[in-house]
Protein backbone atom coordinates (compact mmCIF):
# COMPACT_ATOMS: atom_id res chain seq x y z
CA VAL A 1 -14.36 -16.73 30.00
CA LEU A 2 -15.59 -16.34 26.40
CA THR A 3 -15.98 -12.60 27.00
CA TYR A 4 -12.38 -12.40 28.17
CA ILE A 5 -11.20 -14.39 25.14
CA SER A 6 -13.12 -11.98 22.91
CA PHE A 7 -11.45 -9.00 24.56
CA THR A 8 -7.99 -10.55 24.30
CA SER A 9 -8.55 -11.39 20.64
CA SER A 10 -9.51 -7.79 19.91
CA ILE A 11 -6.41 -6.39 21.61
CA ILE A 12 -4.26 -8.73 19.53
CA GLY A 13 -6.25 -7.66 16.47
CA ILE A 14 -5.53 -3.99 17.17
CA PHE A 15 -1.81 -4.78 17.33
CA CYS A 16 -2.13 -6.65 14.03
CA ALA A 17 -3.92 -3.72 12.38
CA VAL A 18 -1.38 -1.07 13.39
CA THR A 19 1.62 -3.23 12.48
CA GLY A 20 0.49 -3.96 8.94
CA HIS A 21 -1.28 -7.31 9.28
CA PRO A 22 -4.96 -6.51 8.58
CA LYS A 23 -5.80 -10.03 7.41
CA TRP A 24 -5.03 -11.32 10.91
CA ALA A 25 -6.88 -8.35 12.37
CA VAL A 26 -9.95 -9.48 10.41
CA PHE A 27 -9.48 -12.98 11.81
CA CYS A 28 -9.33 -11.60 15.38
CA LEU A 29 -12.45 -9.51 14.78
CA ALA A 30 -14.37 -12.54 13.55
CA LEU A 31 -13.13 -14.58 16.53
CA SER A 32 -14.30 -11.88 18.93
CA GLY A 33 -17.70 -11.91 17.26
CA LEU A 34 -17.90 -15.69 17.53
CA CYS A 35 -17.18 -15.57 21.26
CA ASP A 36 -19.74 -12.81 21.78
CA MET A 37 -22.44 -14.81 20.00
CA PHE A 38 -22.23 -17.62 22.51
CA ASP A 39 -21.09 -16.12 25.82
CA GLY A 40 -24.63 -15.16 26.80
CA LYS A 41 -26.00 -18.57 25.86
CA ILE A 42 -23.43 -20.27 28.08
CA ALA A 43 -24.02 -17.84 30.94
CA ARG A 44 -27.75 -18.59 30.89
CA THR A 45 -27.06 -22.28 31.44
CA LYS A 46 -25.71 -21.37 34.89
CA LYS A 47 -28.98 -21.38 36.79
CA ASN A 48 -27.35 -20.72 40.17
CA ARG A 49 -26.06 -17.23 39.35
CA THR A 50 -26.73 -14.54 41.94
CA GLU A 51 -28.21 -11.15 40.98
CA ASP A 52 -24.79 -9.57 41.45
CA GLU A 53 -23.25 -12.10 39.07
CA LYS A 54 -25.95 -11.42 36.47
CA GLN A 55 -25.38 -7.67 36.73
CA PHE A 56 -21.62 -8.18 36.48
CA GLY A 57 -22.16 -10.23 33.33
CA ILE A 58 -24.16 -7.43 31.72
CA GLN A 59 -21.58 -4.79 32.59
CA ILE A 60 -18.43 -6.75 31.69
CA ASP A 61 -19.95 -7.84 28.38
CA SER A 62 -20.70 -4.27 27.33
CA LEU A 63 -17.36 -2.93 28.55
CA CYS A 64 -15.55 -5.53 26.46
CA ASP A 65 -17.86 -4.83 23.50
CA VAL A 66 -16.76 -1.19 23.53
CA VAL A 67 -13.24 -2.37 22.76
CA CYS A 68 -14.07 -5.39 20.58
CA PHE A 69 -16.70 -3.88 18.30
CA GLY A 70 -16.21 -0.17 18.91
CA VAL A 71 -12.52 0.75 19.23
CA PHE A 72 -11.12 -2.22 17.31
CA PRO A 73 -13.14 -1.68 14.07
CA ILE A 74 -12.32 2.05 14.25
CA VAL A 75 -8.59 1.34 14.38
CA LEU A 76 -8.86 -1.25 11.61
CA CYS A 77 -10.87 1.04 9.34
CA TYR A 78 -8.45 3.90 9.97
CA GLU A 79 -5.53 1.70 8.96
CA LEU A 80 -7.44 0.67 5.83
CA GLY A 81 -7.76 4.26 4.67
CA MET A 82 -10.52 6.01 6.62
CA ARG A 83 -8.29 8.96 7.42
CA ARG A 84 -9.65 11.66 5.11
CA ILE A 85 -11.61 14.75 6.08
CA TYR A 86 -14.80 13.02 4.96
CA SER A 87 -14.05 10.04 7.22
CA MET A 88 -16.17 11.50 10.02
CA ALA A 89 -18.39 8.45 9.60
CA ILE A 90 -15.92 6.63 11.81
CA LEU A 91 -16.73 9.02 14.66
CA VAL A 92 -20.46 8.53 14.11
CA TYR A 93 -19.90 4.79 14.32
CA GLY A 94 -17.96 5.03 17.59
CA LEU A 95 -20.41 7.40 19.26
CA ALA A 96 -23.43 5.37 18.15
CA GLY A 97 -21.80 2.19 19.48
CA VAL A 98 -21.23 3.69 22.93
CA ILE A 99 -24.80 5.04 23.06
CA ARG A 100 -26.20 1.68 22.01
CA LEU A 101 -24.28 -0.23 24.68
CA GLY A 102 -25.31 2.22 27.40
CA TYR A 103 -28.95 1.91 26.34
CA PHE A 104 -28.66 -1.88 26.17
CA ASN A 105 -27.30 -2.05 29.73
CA VAL A 106 -30.24 -0.07 31.09
CA MET A 107 -32.90 -2.00 29.18
CA GLU A 108 -31.34 -5.44 29.77
CA THR A 109 -31.13 -4.81 33.51
CA LYS A 110 -34.78 -3.79 33.51
CA ARG A 111 -35.79 -6.79 31.38
CA GLN A 112 -34.06 -9.31 33.64
CA GLN A 113 -35.82 -7.83 36.65
CA GLU A 114 -39.18 -8.32 34.96
CA THR A 115 -38.76 -11.72 33.28
CA SER A 116 -36.46 -14.72 33.04
CA GLU A 117 -37.37 -15.44 29.41
CA ASN A 118 -34.70 -15.27 26.73
CA ARG A 119 -34.57 -12.13 24.63
CA LYS A 120 -36.34 -12.50 21.28
CA TYR A 121 -35.62 -9.09 19.73
CA TYR A 122 -32.88 -6.47 19.84
CA GLN A 123 -33.67 -2.77 19.72
CA GLY A 124 -31.57 -1.64 16.78
CA LEU A 125 -28.68 -3.52 15.20
CA PRO A 126 -26.44 -5.39 17.68
CA ILE A 127 -22.93 -3.92 17.91
CA THR A 128 -21.50 -7.39 17.28
CA SER A 129 -22.76 -7.08 13.69
CA MET A 130 -19.53 -5.37 12.65
CA SER A 131 -17.66 -8.65 13.13
CA VAL A 132 -19.86 -10.07 10.35
CA VAL A 133 -20.17 -7.03 8.09
CA LEU A 134 -16.45 -6.17 7.77
CA PRO A 135 -15.20 -9.64 6.76
CA LEU A 136 -17.96 -9.91 4.15
CA LEU A 137 -17.17 -6.42 2.86
CA PHE A 138 -13.52 -7.39 2.45
CA VAL A 139 -14.48 -10.40 0.37
CA VAL A 140 -16.73 -8.24 -1.81
CA SER A 141 -13.85 -5.74 -2.17
CA LEU A 142 -11.88 -8.33 -4.08
CA ILE A 143 -14.24 -7.92 -7.04
CA LEU A 144 -14.64 -4.13 -6.80
CA PRO A 145 -12.93 -2.14 -9.60
CA GLY A 146 -10.07 -0.46 -7.73
CA TYR A 147 -9.13 0.53 -4.22
CA HIS A 148 -11.17 3.77 -4.23
CA TRP A 149 -14.42 1.85 -4.69
CA PHE A 150 -13.54 -0.27 -1.68
CA LEU A 151 -12.79 2.87 0.33
CA TYR A 152 -16.14 4.43 -0.63
CA ALA A 153 -17.95 1.21 0.27
CA LEU A 154 -16.11 1.11 3.61
CA HIS A 155 -17.19 4.66 4.47
CA ILE A 156 -20.81 3.98 3.56
CA THR A 157 -20.86 0.68 5.45
CA VAL A 158 -19.42 2.17 8.63
CA ALA A 159 -21.87 5.09 8.54
CA VAL A 160 -24.93 2.90 7.87
CA VAL A 161 -24.03 0.33 10.53
CA GLY A 162 -23.44 3.11 13.07
CA ILE A 163 -26.83 4.67 12.35
CA LEU A 164 -28.54 1.27 12.64
CA PHE A 165 -27.04 0.86 16.12
CA VAL A 166 -29.29 3.62 17.42
CA ALA A 167 -32.19 3.32 14.96
CA ASP A 168 -35.61 2.64 16.48
CA PHE A 169 -36.50 -0.76 15.04
CA LYS A 170 -36.74 -4.34 16.26
CA PHE A 171 -34.11 -6.80 15.06
CA ARG A 172 -35.10 -10.44 15.56
CA LYS A 173 -32.57 -12.46 17.49
CA PRO A 174 -31.17 -15.25 15.26
CA THR A 175 -32.05 -18.85 16.06
CA ASN A 176 -29.32 -21.40 16.77
CA LYS A 177 -29.58 -22.74 13.21
CA GLU A 178 -29.31 -19.24 11.76
CA LEU A 179 -26.30 -18.54 13.97
CA ALA A 180 -24.64 -21.75 12.73
CA VAL A 181 -25.18 -20.69 9.11
CA LEU A 182 -23.85 -17.20 9.85
CA VAL A 183 -20.77 -18.57 11.58
CA GLY A 184 -20.15 -20.83 8.58
CA ILE A 185 -20.43 -17.95 6.09
CA VAL A 186 -18.11 -15.67 8.06
CA GLY A 187 -15.69 -18.56 8.59
CA VAL A 188 -15.46 -19.17 4.84
CA ALA A 189 -15.03 -15.43 4.23
CA VAL A 190 -12.18 -15.18 6.73
CA LEU A 191 -10.40 -18.20 5.26
CA PHE A 192 -10.79 -16.69 1.79
CA ILE A 193 -9.25 -13.42 3.01
CA LEU A 194 -6.34 -15.21 4.69
CA PHE A 195 -5.38 -17.32 1.69
CA TYR A 196 -6.52 -15.32 -1.36
CA ASN A 197 -3.64 -14.69 -3.79
CA GLY A 198 -0.95 -15.12 -1.17
CA GLY A 199 -2.93 -13.27 1.47
CA TRP A 200 -5.52 -10.51 1.52
CA TRP A 201 -3.01 -8.02 2.97
CA GLU A 202 -0.73 -8.27 -0.06
CA PHE A 203 -3.73 -7.70 -2.32
CA CYS A 204 -4.99 -4.71 -0.32
CA ARG A 205 -1.53 -3.17 0.06
CA ALA A 206 -0.88 -3.41 -3.67
CA ARG A 207 -4.11 -1.57 -4.42
CA PHE A 208 -3.65 1.01 -1.66
CA PHE A 209 -0.12 2.13 -2.43
CA ARG A 210 -0.83 2.19 -6.16
CA HIS A 211 -3.34 5.00 -5.48
CA MET A 212 -1.34 6.97 -2.90
């Protein structure tokens, strides 16, 4: 159910992004990330799941993640200004996200066949990370000197995160306490975006159209 809520939130967020309401799109992205953080934990409490149900969980989670943390951030970043010739980083991000999720499905299926222990490490950066990185970047953008600096930072961030999706390194899975702290930080960031100076969208739009 949390996975379905995450998916629905992302679809609403895409509508918000393309209709000129990016602050609510950011809220939907953060909500999708919150749901994704805990859907697996809740699923693992169901000890009577069949193998087919476990496999379905793996597949439906990744299929929704393609939309929530692949397509959705691409649309949002495009609406925020990643539409230049040098914005190919957005394609790298999307391709890396799909590759990561395909690889994750294969390895997670294999892991569950070999052990029932909880995962302790991720291979590469989890695709959900974009629901944390983008809201924090938007808050930082409020102190950057001009819209162009924000746009440069957005390009670099998208490219780096995309590369880290497929990079060969181990990323330790956060503990419950660390997740709680992370949720708190992102929550404060989203509230700041929603209410800053009459709304983050008004702030961003003023900067964007001034430099058109």
